Protein backbone atom coordinates (compact mmCIF):
# COMPACT_ATOMS: atom_id res chain seq x y z
CA UNK A 1 17.11 -10.77 -32.24
CA UNK A 2 20.10 -11.78 -34.38
CA UNK A 3 21.35 -15.22 -33.48
CA UNK A 4 24.94 -13.94 -33.35
CA UNK A 5 24.19 -11.45 -30.55
CA UNK A 6 25.42 -12.56 -27.13
CA UNK A 7 23.19 -12.03 -24.09
CA UNK A 8 25.43 -9.18 -22.90
CA UNK A 9 25.26 -7.42 -26.28
CA UNK A 10 21.49 -7.82 -26.37
CA UNK A 11 21.16 -6.53 -22.80
CA UNK A 12 23.27 -3.47 -23.65
CA UNK A 13 21.15 -2.74 -26.71
CA UNK A 14 17.94 -2.96 -24.68
CA UNK A 15 19.24 -0.93 -21.73
CA UNK A 16 18.73 2.43 -23.40
CA UNK A 17 14.97 3.00 -23.51
CA UNK A 18 15.13 5.36 -26.45
CA UNK A 19 16.91 2.79 -28.61
CA UNK A 20 15.07 -0.34 -27.53
CA UNK A 21 12.35 -0.26 -30.19
CA UNK A 22 14.74 0.64 -32.99
CA UNK A 23 17.27 -2.03 -31.98
CA UNK A 24 14.94 -4.92 -31.27
CA UNK A 25 14.17 -7.05 -34.30
CA UNK A 26 11.86 -10.06 -34.51
CA UNK A 27 12.91 -12.12 -37.50
CA UNK A 28 12.67 -9.88 -40.54
CA UNK A 29 9.85 -7.81 -39.13
CA UNK A 30 10.59 -4.81 -36.94
CA UNK A 31 8.49 -4.85 -33.77
CA UNK A 32 8.20 -1.08 -33.99
CA UNK A 33 6.60 -1.35 -37.43
CA UNK A 34 3.94 -3.67 -36.02
CA UNK A 35 3.14 -1.14 -33.30
CA UNK A 36 3.03 1.67 -35.87
CA UNK A 37 0.35 -0.19 -37.82
CA UNK A 38 -1.79 -0.68 -34.73
CA UNK A 39 -1.30 2.89 -33.49
CA UNK A 40 -2.00 4.36 -36.92
CA UNK A 41 -5.41 2.67 -37.01
CA UNK A 42 -6.57 4.24 -33.70
CA UNK A 43 -9.19 6.98 -33.47
CA UNK A 44 -7.81 10.29 -32.06
CA UNK A 45 -9.31 9.71 -28.57
CA UNK A 46 -7.92 6.17 -28.48
CA UNK A 47 -4.50 7.37 -29.63
CA UNK A 48 -4.43 10.04 -26.90
CA UNK A 49 -5.37 7.47 -24.24
CA UNK A 50 -2.71 5.06 -25.51
CA UNK A 51 -0.01 7.76 -25.36
CA UNK A 52 -0.87 9.23 -21.96
CA UNK A 53 -1.51 6.00 -20.06
CA UNK A 54 1.90 4.70 -21.07
CA UNK A 55 3.60 7.53 -19.17
CA UNK A 56 2.94 6.06 -15.70
CA UNK A 57 5.71 3.92 -14.16
CA UNK A 58 3.52 1.55 -12.12
CA UNK A 59 2.95 -2.12 -13.00
CA UNK A 60 -0.62 -1.37 -14.10
CA UNK A 61 -3.45 1.14 -13.64
CA UNK A 62 -6.89 0.82 -12.12
CA UNK A 63 -9.83 2.21 -14.08
CA UNK A 64 -10.17 5.10 -11.58
CA UNK A 65 -6.47 6.00 -11.91
CA UNK A 66 -6.67 5.81 -15.72
CA UNK A 67 -9.72 8.10 -15.68
CA UNK A 68 -7.66 10.62 -13.69
CA UNK A 69 -4.80 10.47 -16.21
CA UNK A 70 -7.23 11.04 -19.10
CA UNK A 71 -9.39 13.56 -17.20
CA UNK A 72 -12.51 11.64 -18.22
CA UNK A 73 -15.57 10.24 -16.44
CA UNK A 74 -15.19 6.59 -15.43
CA UNK A 75 -17.57 5.24 -18.07
CA UNK A 76 -15.89 7.14 -20.92
CA UNK A 77 -12.46 6.02 -19.73
CA UNK A 78 -13.62 2.40 -19.50
CA UNK A 79 -15.04 2.46 -23.05
CA UNK A 80 -11.72 3.80 -24.38
CA UNK A 81 -9.61 1.30 -22.43
CA UNK A 82 -11.72 -1.68 -23.46
CA UNK A 83 -11.44 -0.58 -27.09
CA UNK A 84 -7.63 -0.50 -26.67
CA UNK A 85 -7.73 -3.99 -25.14
CA UNK A 86 -9.60 -5.13 -28.27
CA UNK A 87 -6.68 -3.86 -30.40
CA UNK A 88 -4.23 -5.84 -28.18
CA UNK A 89 -2.17 -2.68 -27.54
CA UNK A 90 -3.32 -2.73 -23.90
CA UNK A 91 -3.85 -5.81 -21.70
CA UNK A 92 -6.47 -6.33 -19.00
CA UNK A 93 -5.29 -9.04 -16.60
CA UNK A 94 -8.21 -8.49 -14.21
CA UNK A 95 -11.51 -6.59 -14.38
CA UNK A 96 -10.90 -2.86 -14.08
CA UNK A 97 -7.10 -3.11 -14.33
CA UNK A 98 -5.00 -2.29 -17.39
CA UNK A 99 -1.35 -2.70 -18.27
CA UNK A 100 1.16 -2.49 -21.12
CA UNK A 101 3.72 -5.00 -22.24
CA UNK A 102 7.13 -3.38 -21.55
CA UNK A 103 7.91 -2.75 -25.23
CA UNK A 104 4.42 -1.40 -25.94
CA UNK A 105 4.83 1.01 -23.03
CA UNK A 106 8.12 2.25 -24.49
CA UNK A 107 6.43 2.73 -27.83
CA UNK A 108 3.53 4.61 -26.19
CA UNK A 109 6.03 6.94 -24.50
CA UNK A 110 7.82 7.55 -27.79
CA UNK A 111 4.46 8.43 -29.35
CA UNK A 112 3.66 10.78 -26.46
CA UNK A 113 7.00 12.53 -26.92
CA UNK A 114 6.41 12.87 -30.66
CA UNK A 115 2.66 13.48 -30.92
CA UNK A 116 1.32 14.88 -27.63
CA UNK A 117 0.86 18.62 -28.24
CA UNK A 118 1.43 20.84 -26.45
CA UNK A 119 4.13 18.90 -24.51
CA UNK A 120 2.71 20.24 -21.22
CA UNK A 121 -0.17 17.76 -21.69
CA UNK A 122 2.17 14.97 -20.64
CA UNK A 123 3.06 16.67 -17.36
CA UNK A 124 -0.60 17.54 -16.74
CA UNK A 125 -1.61 13.90 -17.14
CA UNK A 126 0.97 12.74 -14.61
CA UNK A 127 0.02 15.59 -12.29
CA UNK A 128 -3.60 14.40 -12.32
CA UNK A 129 -2.47 10.85 -11.51
CA UNK A 130 -0.37 12.11 -8.58
CA UNK A 131 -3.32 14.21 -7.38
CA UNK A 132 -5.60 11.17 -7.58
CA UNK A 133 -3.24 9.01 -5.50
CA UNK A 134 -2.47 11.76 -2.97
CA UNK A 135 -6.11 12.79 -2.47
CA UNK A 136 -7.17 9.14 -2.13
CA UNK A 137 -4.31 8.20 0.21
CA UNK A 138 -5.18 11.24 2.35
CA UNK A 139 -8.77 9.97 2.60
CA UNK A 140 -7.52 6.54 3.68
CA UNK A 141 -5.29 8.21 6.31
CA UNK A 142 -8.19 10.36 7.58
CA UNK A 143 -10.48 7.32 7.91
CA UNK A 144 -7.72 5.36 9.65
CA UNK A 145 -6.87 8.19 12.03
CA UNK A 146 -9.86 10.44 12.73
CA UNK A 147 -8.71 13.75 14.20
CA UNK A 148 -5.09 13.39 13.05
CA UNK A 149 -3.98 16.77 11.69
CA UNK A 150 -1.46 15.43 9.19
CA UNK A 151 -4.02 15.55 6.36
CA UNK A 152 -4.47 19.29 6.97
CA UNK A 153 -0.73 19.84 6.40
CA UNK A 154 -0.54 18.00 3.05
CA UNK A 155 -0.13 19.79 -0.28
CA UNK A 156 -3.48 20.71 -1.88
CA UNK A 157 -4.71 18.69 -4.87
CA UNK A 158 -6.71 19.89 -7.87
CA UNK A 159 -8.04 16.44 -8.76
CA UNK A 160 -10.31 14.60 -6.32
CA UNK A 161 -9.56 11.17 -4.98
CA UNK A 162 -11.82 8.16 -4.54
CA UNK A 163 -14.56 8.34 -1.91
CA UNK A 164 -14.85 5.52 0.64
CA UNK A 165 -17.80 4.52 2.77
CA UNK A 166 -15.85 2.49 5.33
CA UNK A 167 -12.35 1.97 6.70
CA UNK A 168 -11.87 -1.57 5.44
CA UNK A 169 -12.59 -0.63 1.82
CA UNK A 170 -10.18 2.29 2.14
CA UNK A 171 -7.45 0.08 3.58
CA UNK A 172 -8.01 -2.56 0.89
CA UNK A 173 -7.52 0.16 -1.75
CA UNK A 174 -4.19 1.26 -0.20
CA UNK A 175 -2.69 -2.23 -0.17
CA UNK A 176 -4.07 -3.18 -3.59
CA UNK A 177 -2.61 -0.02 -5.11
CA UNK A 178 0.62 -0.05 -3.05
CA UNK A 179 3.00 -0.75 -5.96
CA UNK A 180 1.31 1.82 -8.18
CA UNK A 181 1.21 4.48 -5.44
CA UNK A 182 4.90 4.06 -4.61
CA UNK A 183 5.92 3.98 -8.29
CA UNK A 184 4.01 7.23 -8.83
CA UNK A 185 5.68 8.88 -5.81
CA UNK A 186 9.13 7.84 -7.03
CA UNK A 187 8.43 8.99 -10.60
CA UNK A 188 6.99 12.34 -9.47
CA UNK A 189 9.94 13.06 -7.17
CA UNK A 190 12.08 13.58 -10.27
CA UNK A 191 10.16 16.65 -11.39
CA UNK A 192 8.31 19.78 -10.34
CA UNK A 193 5.73 17.72 -8.46
CA UNK A 194 8.23 16.82 -5.73
CA UNK A 195 6.31 18.25 -2.76
CA UNK A 196 3.16 16.32 -3.60
CA UNK A 197 5.26 13.17 -4.17
CA UNK A 198 6.75 13.47 -0.66
CA UNK A 199 3.32 14.06 0.85
CA UNK A 200 1.97 10.98 -0.96
CA UNK A 201 4.65 8.92 0.80
CA UNK A 202 3.75 10.48 4.14
CA UNK A 203 0.01 9.89 3.69
CA UNK A 204 0.77 6.26 2.72
CA UNK A 205 3.07 5.64 5.73
CA UNK A 206 1.17 2.44 6.62
CA UNK A 207 2.96 0.84 3.66
CA UNK A 208 6.32 1.38 5.39
CA UNK A 209 5.10 -0.52 8.46
CA UNK A 210 3.35 -3.44 6.76
CA UNK A 211 6.55 -5.31 5.87
CA UNK A 212 5.37 -6.23 2.36
CA UNK A 213 6.16 -2.86 0.77
CA UNK A 214 8.99 -1.61 2.99
CA UNK A 215 11.82 -1.87 0.44
CA UNK A 216 9.92 -0.12 -2.35
CA UNK A 217 8.78 2.56 0.12
CA UNK A 218 12.35 3.15 1.28
CA UNK A 219 13.58 3.45 -2.32
CA UNK A 220 10.91 6.05 -3.12
CA UNK A 221 11.65 8.01 0.08
CA UNK A 222 15.40 8.04 -0.65
CA UNK A 223 14.74 9.32 -4.18
CA UNK A 224 12.55 12.09 -2.79
CA UNK A 225 15.13 13.06 -0.15
CA UNK A 226 17.92 13.27 -2.74
CA UNK A 227 15.77 15.31 -5.13
CA UNK A 228 14.67 17.72 -2.40
CA UNK A 229 18.25 18.19 -1.22
CA UNK A 230 19.46 18.86 -4.76
CA UNK A 231 16.71 21.46 -5.23
CA UNK A 232 17.38 23.11 -1.87
CA UNK A 233 13.73 22.58 -0.88
CA UNK A 234 13.92 22.44 2.93
CA UNK A 235 10.22 21.73 3.36
CA UNK A 236 10.23 18.73 1.01
CA UNK A 237 13.52 17.41 2.38
CA UNK A 238 12.33 17.69 5.99
CA UNK A 239 9.20 15.70 5.16
CA UNK A 240 11.12 13.13 3.10
CA UNK A 241 13.47 12.62 6.05
CA UNK A 242 10.41 12.18 8.31
CA UNK A 243 9.17 9.32 6.12
CA UNK A 244 12.64 7.74 6.15
CA UNK A 245 12.80 7.97 9.95
CA UNK A 246 9.73 5.74 10.08
CA UNK A 247 11.27 3.27 7.60
CA UNK A 248 14.45 2.97 9.66
CA UNK A 249 12.57 2.73 12.97
CA UNK A 250 10.53 -0.20 11.68
CA UNK A 251 13.72 -1.92 10.47
CA UNK A 252 15.55 -1.36 13.76
CA UNK A 253 18.13 0.91 12.12
CA UNK A 254 18.09 3.32 15.05
CA UNK A 255 21.24 5.37 14.38
CA UNK A 256 20.02 6.17 10.86
CA UNK A 257 16.50 6.87 12.12
CA UNK A 258 17.77 9.28 14.77
CA UNK A 259 19.90 11.19 12.27
CA UNK A 260 17.00 11.49 9.80
CA UNK A 261 14.71 12.77 12.58
CA UNK A 262 17.34 15.26 13.79
CA UNK A 263 17.79 16.67 10.29
CA UNK A 264 14.04 16.64 9.61
CA UNK A 265 13.42 18.85 12.64
CA UNK A 266 16.13 21.35 11.63
CA UNK A 267 14.84 21.54 8.05
CA UNK A 268 11.21 21.83 9.14
CA UNK A 269 12.05 24.73 11.44
CA UNK A 270 14.03 26.43 8.65
CA UNK A 271 11.01 26.04 6.35
CA UNK A 272 8.53 27.14 9.06
CA UNK A 273 6.77 23.78 8.61
CA UNK A 274 5.34 22.61 11.97
CA UNK A 275 4.10 19.19 10.83
CA UNK A 276 7.39 17.20 10.97
CA UNK A 277 8.52 18.70 14.30
CA UNK A 278 6.09 16.61 16.39
CA UNK A 279 7.05 13.45 14.49
CA UNK A 280 10.77 14.15 14.94
CA UNK A 281 10.44 14.58 18.72
CA UNK A 282 8.15 11.56 19.06
CA UNK A 283 10.46 9.35 16.99
CA UNK A 284 13.62 10.55 18.73
CA UNK A 285 11.92 9.80 22.04
CA UNK A 286 11.26 6.22 20.91
CA UNK A 287 14.86 5.83 19.75
CA UNK A 288 16.34 7.27 22.95
CA UNK A 289 14.15 4.89 24.98
CA UNK A 290 15.30 1.87 22.94
CA UNK A 291 18.93 2.92 23.32
CA UNK A 292 18.58 3.24 27.09
CA UNK A 293 18.74 7.07 27.24
CA UNK A 294 15.60 7.25 29.36
CA UNK A 295 15.76 10.83 30.66
CA UNK A 296 16.48 12.09 27.14
CA UNK A 297 13.56 10.01 25.85
CA UNK A 298 11.26 11.55 28.43
CA UNK A 299 12.36 15.05 27.39
CA UNK A 300 11.69 14.40 23.68
CA UNK A 301 8.30 12.85 24.36
CA UNK A 302 7.13 15.63 26.66
CA UNK A 303 8.11 18.07 23.89
CA UNK A 304 6.15 15.94 21.40
CA UNK A 305 3.08 16.18 23.66
CA UNK A 306 3.44 19.99 23.69
CA UNK A 307 3.89 20.04 19.90
CA UNK A 308 0.76 17.96 19.34
CA UNK A 309 -1.31 20.13 21.67
CA UNK A 310 -0.10 23.28 19.90
CA UNK A 311 -1.27 21.78 16.60
CA UNK A 312 -4.53 20.48 18.15
CA UNK A 313 -3.39 17.01 17.06
CA UNK A 314 -5.14 14.82 19.63
CA UNK A 315 -4.05 11.44 18.17
CA UNK A 316 -0.45 12.72 18.14
CA UNK A 317 -0.75 13.49 21.84
CA UNK A 318 -2.05 9.97 22.51
CA UNK A 319 0.89 8.48 20.58
CA UNK A 320 3.41 10.44 22.63
CA UNK A 321 1.61 9.50 25.88
CA UNK A 322 1.86 5.79 25.03
CA UNK A 323 5.55 6.14 24.17
CA UNK A 324 6.10 8.07 27.40
CA UNK A 325 4.48 5.15 29.22
CA UNK A 326 7.30 2.90 28.00
CA UNK A 327 9.97 5.30 29.32
CA UNK A 328 8.29 5.40 32.74
CA UNK A 329 8.59 1.62 32.97
CA UNK A 330 12.34 1.88 32.38
CA UNK A 331 12.56 4.52 35.08
CA UNK A 332 10.77 2.19 37.53
CA UNK A 333 7.50 4.15 37.55
CA UNK A 334 5.12 1.28 36.76
CA UNK A 335 1.92 2.89 38.09
CA UNK A 336 2.63 6.07 36.10
CA UNK A 337 3.33 3.97 33.00
CA UNK A 338 -0.02 2.20 33.29
CA UNK A 339 -1.86 5.49 33.83
CA UNK A 340 -0.26 7.10 30.75
CA UNK A 341 -1.05 4.09 28.55
CA UNK A 342 -4.64 4.06 29.82
CA UNK A 343 -4.90 7.76 28.96
CA UNK A 344 -3.71 6.98 25.41
CA UNK A 345 -6.18 4.08 25.09
CA UNK A 346 -8.99 6.39 26.22
CA UNK A 347 -8.14 9.06 23.61
CA UNK A 348 -7.90 6.57 20.75
CA UNK A 349 -11.07 4.79 21.85
CA UNK A 350 -13.05 8.05 21.84
CA UNK A 351 -11.73 8.94 18.39
CA UNK A 352 -12.39 5.47 16.96
CA UNK A 353 -8.79 4.93 15.83
CA UNK A 354 -8.50 1.17 15.39
CA UNK A 355 -4.84 0.82 14.41
CA UNK A 356 -3.58 3.41 16.88
CA UNK A 357 -5.85 1.91 19.56
CA UNK A 358 -3.99 -1.35 18.94
CA UNK A 359 -0.69 0.47 19.55
CA UNK A 360 -2.06 1.91 22.79
CA UNK A 361 -3.35 -1.45 23.99
CA UNK A 362 0.07 -2.90 23.18
CA UNK A 363 1.74 -0.23 25.37
CA UNK A 364 -0.77 -0.89 28.17
CA UNK A 365 -0.20 -4.64 27.88
CA UNK A 366 3.55 -4.15 28.28
CA UNK A 367 3.03 -1.90 31.33
CA UNK A 368 0.63 -4.41 32.96
CA UNK A 369 3.19 -7.19 32.34
CA UNK A 370 5.77 -5.23 34.35
CA UNK A 371 3.21 -4.87 37.16
CA UNK A 372 2.73 -8.66 37.24
CA UNK A 373 -0.91 -8.30 36.15
CA UNK A 374 -0.62 -11.12 33.62
CA UNK A 375 -4.30 -11.81 32.92
CA UNK A 376 -5.05 -8.14 32.17
CA UNK A 377 -1.86 -7.82 30.11
CA UNK A 378 -2.87 -10.75 27.89
CA UNK A 379 -6.36 -9.29 27.42
CA UNK A 380 -4.90 -6.00 26.16
CA UNK A 381 -2.30 -7.71 23.96
CA UNK A 382 -4.89 -10.07 22.49
CA UNK A 383 -7.10 -7.10 21.53
CA UNK A 384 -4.07 -5.41 19.98
CA UNK A 385 -3.18 -8.58 18.04
CA UNK A 386 -6.69 -8.84 16.56
CA UNK A 387 -6.70 -5.21 15.45
CA UNK A 388 -3.21 -5.36 13.95
CA UNK A 389 -4.33 -8.41 11.97
CA UNK A 390 -7.45 -6.66 10.65
CA UNK A 391 -5.30 -3.71 9.55
CA UNK A 392 -2.62 -5.83 7.83
CA UNK A 393 0.12 -4.73 10.20
CA UNK A 394 2.00 -8.05 10.08
CA UNK A 395 5.16 -6.80 11.79
CA UNK A 396 3.14 -5.37 14.66
CA UNK A 397 1.33 -8.72 14.94
CA UNK A 398 4.71 -10.39 15.34
CA UNK A 399 5.85 -7.87 17.95
CA UNK A 400 2.63 -8.37 19.94
CA UNK A 401 3.07 -12.16 19.86
CA UNK A 402 6.57 -11.58 21.30
CA UNK A 403 5.13 -9.55 24.20
CA UNK A 404 2.52 -12.27 24.79
CA UNK A 405 5.35 -14.82 24.95
CA UNK A 406 7.00 -12.67 27.65
CA UNK A 407 3.75 -12.66 29.67
CA UNK A 408 3.37 -16.44 29.43
CA UNK A 409 6.99 -16.94 30.48
CA UNK A 410 6.52 -14.63 33.49
CA UNK A 411 3.30 -16.50 34.36
CA UNK A 412 5.24 -19.82 34.30
CA UNK A 413 3.56 -21.16 31.16
CA UNK A 414 6.66 -22.09 29.12
CA UNK A 415 4.83 -24.12 26.46
CA UNK A 416 2.56 -21.15 25.66
CA UNK A 417 5.59 -18.84 25.72
CA UNK A 418 7.47 -21.02 23.22
CA UNK A 419 4.43 -21.23 20.93
CA UNK A 420 3.95 -17.44 20.84
CA UNK A 421 7.68 -16.78 20.40
CA UNK A 422 7.84 -19.17 17.43
CA UNK A 423 4.84 -17.43 15.87
CA UNK A 424 6.55 -14.06 16.39
CA UNK A 425 9.65 -15.29 14.54
CA UNK A 426 7.45 -16.46 11.65
CA UNK A 427 5.69 -13.09 11.40
CA UNK A 428 8.73 -10.85 11.85
CA UNK A 429 8.78 -7.85 14.20
CA UNK A 430 8.98 -4.08 14.28
CA UNK A 431 12.55 -3.19 15.25
CA UNK A 432 14.49 -5.65 13.10
CA UNK A 433 17.35 -7.80 14.42
CA UNK A 434 17.38 -6.40 17.95
CA UNK A 435 13.77 -7.38 18.59
CA UNK A 436 14.32 -10.73 16.85
CA UNK A 437 17.13 -11.35 19.31
CA UNK A 438 14.71 -10.61 22.17
CA UNK A 439 12.24 -13.15 20.78
CA UNK A 440 14.99 -15.78 20.49
CA UNK A 441 16.08 -15.11 24.08
CA UNK A 442 12.54 -15.65 25.40
CA UNK A 443 12.12 -18.76 23.22
CA UNK A 444 15.39 -20.14 24.59
CA UNK A 445 14.29 -19.55 28.20
CA UNK A 446 10.98 -21.32 27.55
CA UNK A 447 12.69 -24.28 25.85
CA UNK A 448 15.21 -24.59 28.70
CA UNK A 449 12.36 -24.89 31.22
CA UNK A 450 10.72 -27.49 28.95
CA UNK A 451 13.93 -29.56 29.08
CA UNK A 452 15.03 -28.77 25.52
CA UNK A 453 18.44 -27.37 26.43
CA UNK A 454 20.10 -27.96 23.06
CA UNK A 455 17.40 -26.02 21.21
CA UNK A 456 17.57 -23.31 23.85
CA UNK A 457 21.32 -22.86 23.31
CA UNK A 458 20.84 -22.64 19.51
CA UNK A 459 18.35 -19.78 20.12
CA UNK A 460 20.69 -18.00 22.51
CA UNK A 461 23.69 -18.30 20.17
CA UNK A 462 21.69 -16.66 17.38
CA UNK A 463 20.39 -14.00 19.79
CA UNK A 464 23.92 -13.24 21.00
CA UNK A 465 25.20 -12.81 17.44
CA UNK A 466 22.34 -10.42 16.63
CA UNK A 467 22.81 -8.38 19.83
CA UNK A 468 26.57 -8.14 19.26
CA UNK A 469 26.03 -7.03 15.65
CA UNK A 470 24.17 -3.93 16.90
CA UNK A 471 26.31 -3.51 20.04
CA UNK A 472 23.28 -3.99 22.30
CA UNK A 473 23.77 -4.22 26.09
CA UNK A 474 21.49 -7.28 26.20
CA UNK A 475 24.41 -9.28 24.78
CA UNK A 476 25.86 -9.55 28.31
CA UNK A 477 22.69 -11.19 29.66
CA UNK A 478 22.53 -13.74 26.80
CA UNK A 479 26.22 -14.48 27.14
CA UNK A 480 25.51 -15.32 30.77
CA UNK A 481 22.77 -17.75 29.73
CA UNK A 482 25.28 -19.57 27.53
CA UNK A 483 27.89 -19.87 30.31
CA UNK A 484 27.59 -23.26 32.08
CA UNK A 485 26.91 -22.98 35.82
CA UNK A 486 30.06 -25.00 36.60
CA UNK A 487 32.18 -22.31 34.94
CA UNK A 488 30.52 -19.48 36.83
C-alpha cells in the first residue's frame, strides 16, 4: 500500500470486495497481476475448481465438502485440490482441509463471475454444498435421535451426505464442521435456497446448545428469519423462528423465546406445516414453567404430547413428558412428577437416545431431589452428567452440576455442594443469568454453613443483581439472605 495512506483510508478502500484487488498494491507490483499469472497457467479442470471453491463463505472446506461443490468423486477432487496447493493458490493447513487466503478468495470469486459459464453453474455449486451439509447434518440428527420425526419434515436434497457408522463419529463431524455449516446456512439464506438453509440450522440445533457456537448460530438464524419475512415465506419463517426460540431459551432470554415460539406456531399453521407446532407448544410450556405460570405450562405441554402423538414422534412425546414432570413438581405433585420423568427415561432408553436420555435423567434427578431421595437423585444426575459430557453439551453439564449442588446442600454436605456449584459456574448453564443466579445462591448457602460468611454475601449480592435484572421473584428470597438477623 502507499505509505501516505492512513489506516482509515486503507480500510475504506478494502471494504468494497469488488474493488479490493484493483485497489491493493504491493510495492510496484499489483497483487492481482500475480494472481492472474498463476490462474492463467492452470489447466481447465484446475481453473474450474479454483473458481467454484472460492464461492463458499466458510473458513475452509473439507475434502468431502469440496467434492460436493465440484460434483466429483473424492479421489478426483483430492487430486485437483492437491495440484492447486502445489501452485500456492490454495492452502492446506491440515490433511483433507483446504482454504484460501482472503485476497485469493476474492480473486477466485471475480474469476467465477467473469469466466464461469453459464452463470447458473455458480448457484449449482453452492446448492450442492448446501445439500451436502443438510443431508449430512440430517444423518447426524437421526443417529442422535432415533425415531425423531424431524428428519422426515426437512427439505429434500439432491446430493447425498456423508455416511456414518457410529454416533460419535457423526457428532465429531458436526462440531468439526460447525463454522462451515453455519457459514453455509447464512450464505444460502440470502438466495433461492432459503428453505434448505433454514432446515440446515434446524438439523444442526445441537450447535445452538453447545455454547461454543451459539453466537454464530443466532446470527445465521436471524438472517434466515429476516430473509423469510422479506420473501413472505411463512413456512421458512416459522421454522427460522423455531430455531431462534431454542437459541433464546438456552440463553435465558425467555420473553424473546416465547414471542418467537408464538409467531412460529401461527406461521406454521398458516403454511400447513405441522413440524414447528409441537416445538412451539413444548418450548412455550418450558417458558411458562420457568416464569411461574404453572397451569399454562401444563396446558402447553399436554398439547405438545398430543401433537407428538399425532405426528408419531415418540421422542417428542418423551421430551414433553419430562417437561411436564417439572411442572408437576411446582404444583406439589411430586409422585406424579417422578412417574412422568420415569416414563420419559423409559422411552428414550428403548430408543437408544443418549443425549435425550441425559435430559430425561436430569428431569428425574430433579424430581427425586424434591422427594428427598438424595442418593437416587445423585445417581440419575451423575448418569446425565456423563452423557452430556460425551455429547459435548457443556452448558447442560454445568446445569446438571448445579442440580447436584442442590442435592448435596439438601443432604447437608455443604463442602460437596460448594464444589459442584463452583464447577457449574465454570462450565456455564442453560438458562443464562437467571440460572447463574440460582447457582450463586446455592454456593452462598453452602459457604455460609462452612463459616465463610463474607464469600457467601459476595455470591448473594451478585445473585440479587442478576435476579433483579430479569425481574425474577427469587430476588426477594436472596434479599432476605442478605438482611442481618438483627434487622429482621
